[in-house]
Protein backbone atom coordinates (compact mmCIF):
# COMPACT_ATOMS: atom_id res chain seq x y z
CA UNK A 1 -20.15 -28.81 -17.73
CA UNK A 2 -23.54 -27.11 -17.52
CA UNK A 3 -23.36 -23.92 -15.43
CA UNK A 4 -19.71 -23.26 -16.18
CA UNK A 5 -18.65 -20.08 -17.93
CA UNK A 6 -16.85 -19.58 -21.21
CA UNK A 7 -15.35 -16.62 -23.01
CA UNK A 8 -15.66 -16.10 -26.76
CA UNK A 9 -12.23 -16.06 -28.43
CA UNK A 10 -13.29 -16.52 -32.05
CA UNK A 11 -16.48 -15.84 -33.97
CA UNK A 12 -17.39 -18.34 -36.69
CA UNK A 13 -20.74 -16.72 -37.54
CA UNK A 14 -19.60 -13.24 -38.51
CA UNK A 15 -23.17 -12.17 -39.29
CA UNK A 16 -24.60 -12.95 -35.85
CA UNK A 17 -25.12 -9.95 -33.55
CA UNK A 18 -25.93 -12.22 -30.60
CA UNK A 19 -22.31 -12.74 -29.56
CA UNK A 20 -18.95 -11.03 -29.94
CA UNK A 21 -15.34 -11.87 -29.15
CA UNK A 22 -14.80 -11.27 -25.44
CA UNK A 23 -18.39 -12.05 -24.40
CA UNK A 24 -18.87 -14.26 -21.34
CA UNK A 25 -21.63 -16.91 -21.35
CA UNK A 26 -22.87 -19.58 -18.98
CA UNK A 27 -23.17 -23.05 -20.53
CA UNK A 28 -26.72 -24.39 -20.75
CA UNK A 29 -25.83 -27.78 -22.22
CA UNK A 30 -23.29 -29.48 -24.46
CA UNK A 31 -23.34 -31.14 -27.85
CA UNK A 32 -20.74 -33.26 -29.63
CA UNK A 33 -19.06 -30.22 -31.25
CA UNK A 34 -19.29 -27.65 -28.49
CA UNK A 35 -21.78 -26.03 -26.13
CA UNK A 36 -25.18 -24.37 -26.11
CA UNK A 37 -25.65 -20.99 -24.44
CA UNK A 38 -28.26 -18.26 -24.33
CA UNK A 39 -27.49 -14.79 -25.61
CA UNK A 40 -28.32 -11.63 -23.68
CA UNK A 41 -31.44 -11.22 -25.79
CA UNK A 42 -32.58 -14.77 -25.00
CA UNK A 43 -31.56 -16.37 -28.30
CA UNK A 44 -30.14 -19.94 -28.04
CA UNK A 45 -26.62 -20.22 -29.50
CA UNK A 46 -24.66 -23.31 -30.45
CA UNK A 47 -20.94 -22.59 -30.25
CA UNK A 48 -18.12 -24.65 -31.75
CA UNK A 49 -15.24 -25.68 -29.47
CA UNK A 50 -12.82 -23.43 -31.32
CA UNK A 51 -14.95 -20.37 -30.57
CA UNK A 52 -14.53 -20.31 -26.79
CA UNK A 53 -12.30 -21.05 -23.83
CA UNK A 54 -13.08 -21.81 -20.17
CA UNK A 55 -13.52 -18.68 -18.09
CA UNK A 56 -12.93 -18.28 -14.37
CA UNK A 57 -14.48 -15.06 -13.15
CA UNK A 58 -12.86 -15.16 -9.73
CA UNK A 59 -11.31 -11.76 -9.29
CA UNK A 60 -12.81 -10.46 -12.51
CA UNK A 61 -13.32 -6.74 -12.38
CA UNK A 62 -10.53 -6.17 -9.87
CA UNK A 63 -8.23 -3.29 -10.71
CA UNK A 64 -4.53 -3.41 -10.04
CA UNK A 65 -3.41 -0.46 -7.93
CA UNK A 66 -0.08 0.99 -9.02
CA UNK A 67 2.45 1.79 -6.33
CA UNK A 68 2.38 5.57 -6.86
CA UNK A 69 -1.38 5.71 -6.29
CA UNK A 70 -1.16 3.35 -3.32
CA UNK A 71 1.53 5.39 -1.57
CA UNK A 72 -0.41 8.62 -2.15
CA UNK A 73 -3.45 6.96 -0.62
CA UNK A 74 -1.42 6.07 2.47
CA UNK A 75 -0.16 9.64 2.77
CA UNK A 76 -3.69 10.98 2.35
CA UNK A 77 -4.84 8.88 5.31
CA UNK A 78 -1.89 9.94 7.45
CA UNK A 79 -2.47 13.61 6.67
CA UNK A 80 -6.13 13.26 7.63
CA UNK A 81 -5.23 11.50 10.89
CA UNK A 82 -2.66 14.17 11.71
CA UNK A 83 -5.12 16.95 10.98
CA UNK A 84 -7.71 15.31 13.24
CA UNK A 85 -5.22 14.99 16.08
CA UNK A 86 -5.23 11.19 16.01
CA UNK A 87 -1.49 11.25 15.32
CA UNK A 88 0.98 13.91 16.41
CA UNK A 89 3.49 12.73 13.81
CA UNK A 90 3.09 10.45 10.80
CA UNK A 91 5.54 9.07 8.26
CA UNK A 92 5.20 8.02 4.67
CA UNK A 93 6.60 4.68 3.64
CA UNK A 94 10.36 4.75 3.01
CA UNK A 95 11.67 5.33 -0.53
CA UNK A 96 14.92 3.93 -1.86
CA UNK A 97 16.11 7.22 -3.36
CA UNK A 98 15.57 10.94 -2.87
CA UNK A 99 14.34 11.18 -6.45
CA UNK A 100 11.66 8.56 -5.81
CA UNK A 101 10.54 10.37 -2.67
CA UNK A 102 10.49 13.78 -4.35
CA UNK A 103 8.34 12.46 -7.18
CA UNK A 104 5.46 12.62 -4.68
CA UNK A 105 6.20 16.22 -3.66
CA UNK A 106 3.59 18.03 -5.82
CA UNK A 107 0.84 15.79 -4.46
CA UNK A 108 2.21 15.99 -0.91
CA UNK A 109 1.94 19.78 -1.08
CA UNK A 110 -1.64 19.43 -2.28
CA UNK A 111 -2.54 17.04 0.53
CA UNK A 112 -0.96 19.21 3.18
CA UNK A 113 -2.79 22.28 1.91
CA UNK A 114 -6.04 20.33 1.90
CA UNK A 115 -5.68 19.06 5.46
CA UNK A 116 -3.77 22.09 6.78
CA UNK A 117 -0.83 20.09 8.02
CA UNK A 118 2.89 20.45 7.40
CA UNK A 119 5.47 18.16 5.85
CA UNK A 120 9.19 17.61 6.31
CA UNK A 121 11.30 15.75 3.73
CA UNK A 122 13.48 13.39 5.76
CA UNK A 123 16.80 12.60 4.07
CA UNK A 124 18.28 10.66 6.98
CA UNK A 125 15.91 8.08 8.44
CA UNK A 126 15.67 7.95 12.23
CA UNK A 127 16.90 4.43 13.03
CA UNK A 128 15.64 3.17 16.37
CA UNK A 129 14.49 -0.15 17.79
CA UNK A 130 10.90 0.77 16.84
CA UNK A 131 11.20 -0.25 13.18
CA UNK A 132 13.50 -2.68 11.36
CA UNK A 133 16.80 -0.99 10.54
CA UNK A 134 17.16 -3.22 7.48
CA UNK A 135 14.04 -1.67 5.97
CA UNK A 136 14.80 1.95 6.84
CA UNK A 137 18.54 2.64 6.83
CA UNK A 138 19.52 4.81 3.88
CA UNK A 139 15.89 5.50 2.96
CA UNK A 140 13.96 8.72 2.35
CA UNK A 141 10.45 9.68 3.41
CA UNK A 142 8.08 12.47 4.40
CA UNK A 143 7.03 13.41 7.92
CA UNK A 144 3.59 14.91 8.52
CA UNK A 145 2.75 17.04 11.55
CA UNK A 146 0.46 19.84 12.61
CA UNK A 147 2.64 22.01 14.86
CA UNK A 148 6.30 22.97 14.71
CA UNK A 149 6.76 21.75 18.29
CA UNK A 150 6.22 18.17 17.09
CA UNK A 151 8.92 18.45 14.44
CA UNK A 152 11.30 20.04 16.93
CA UNK A 153 10.73 17.17 19.37
CA UNK A 154 11.49 14.68 16.59
CA UNK A 155 14.70 16.49 15.65
CA UNK A 156 15.67 16.74 19.34
CA UNK A 157 15.31 12.98 19.72
CA UNK A 158 17.52 12.39 16.70
CA UNK A 159 20.16 14.79 17.97
CA UNK A 160 20.12 13.23 21.44
CA UNK A 161 20.59 9.79 19.90
CA UNK A 162 23.50 11.02 17.79
CA UNK A 163 25.18 12.61 20.80
CA UNK A 164 24.78 9.49 22.95
CA UNK A 165 26.13 7.27 20.17
CA UNK A 166 29.18 9.50 19.78
CA UNK A 167 30.09 9.51 23.48
CA UNK A 168 29.31 5.83 24.08
CA UNK A 169 26.22 6.50 26.16
CA UNK A 170 23.72 4.84 23.86
CA UNK A 171 23.13 1.83 26.09
CA UNK A 172 20.53 -0.88 25.55
CA UNK A 173 18.27 0.91 28.01
CA UNK A 174 18.74 4.24 26.23
CA UNK A 175 18.04 2.56 22.92
CA UNK A 176 14.76 1.24 24.31
CA UNK A 177 13.83 4.62 25.80
CA UNK A 178 14.53 6.38 22.49
CA UNK A 179 12.34 3.92 20.61
CA UNK A 180 9.55 4.44 23.13
CA UNK A 181 9.82 8.23 22.88
CA UNK A 182 9.66 7.97 19.09
CA UNK A 183 6.65 5.67 19.33
CA UNK A 184 4.83 8.08 21.63
CA UNK A 185 5.53 10.89 19.17
CA UNK A 186 3.85 8.72 16.53
CA UNK A 187 0.92 8.35 18.97
CA UNK A 188 1.31 4.61 19.50
CA UNK A 189 0.18 3.11 22.83
CA UNK A 190 2.89 1.46 24.94
CA UNK A 191 1.56 -2.00 24.15
CA UNK A 192 1.86 -1.26 20.44
CA UNK A 193 5.35 0.17 20.90
CA UNK A 194 6.59 -2.95 22.66
CA UNK A 195 5.04 -5.13 19.95
CA UNK A 196 6.75 -3.12 17.20
CA UNK A 197 10.09 -3.29 19.00
CA UNK A 198 9.75 -7.07 19.22
CA UNK A 199 8.88 -7.39 15.53
CA UNK A 200 11.76 -5.09 14.52
CA UNK A 201 14.21 -7.16 16.55
CA UNK A 202 13.03 -10.31 14.78
CA UNK A 203 13.33 -8.65 11.35
CA UNK A 204 16.86 -7.44 12.12
CA UNK A 205 17.89 -10.87 13.44
CA UNK A 206 18.54 -9.61 16.95
CA UNK A 207 16.48 -12.38 18.54
C-alpha cells in the first residue's frame, strides 16, 4: 500500500493544521488502524481509516470543456484559416435548431471582425455526397469566407443542384461532381474529397 495516494474525507484531529479535508497524501507506511503519511511541512501523520479514501489522480486537474466554448473554439480556428487563405470557405458544426445556431451570433460577429472575414447564416444545409446527409439534413450552421465571390459560388452550386434535381438531371455522376466542387470550395484536396465521400456513403448506409 506504500506509495499509493489517499484523499482526506474526515478530520478527527480538529486542532491539527497539518491536514485538511480534501488534502491528497502519499502513503509512507501502514499501521493496524490506518496509514502513516507526511504533511507538506514534513510532519509525520497517523491517519485513521475513517479519515481517508483511496485517490486515483489519473486525469486530476483536467477541465471539462462545455459545448458552447468548444464550438466557438472551432469557429475561431476556421475564421483564422479563412483569413489566412488556407480555406476559401469554412463551415461551423451543424446545429439542431436556428435558435441554437443564433446563440453563437454575438461571438461570431466578434470573431469575424477580429479576423476580417465574413459570415453567412445557413438555414438550409447543402446536402451532397461530401458529408453524411443523416448528420446535416435539417440543420443550421454558419459559413465563413473572405470574399463575396466565394459565397456566390456556394449559392450557385446549391441552385444548380436544385435545378438538376427538379428536372431529373441529378445523376450519380452529377452528384459526385457536385460533391467534388463543394469539396474544392472548402479547399480539400481531391484525395481528401474522395475519402469524405466514401465515409459519408458508409454513414448513410449507401454501401
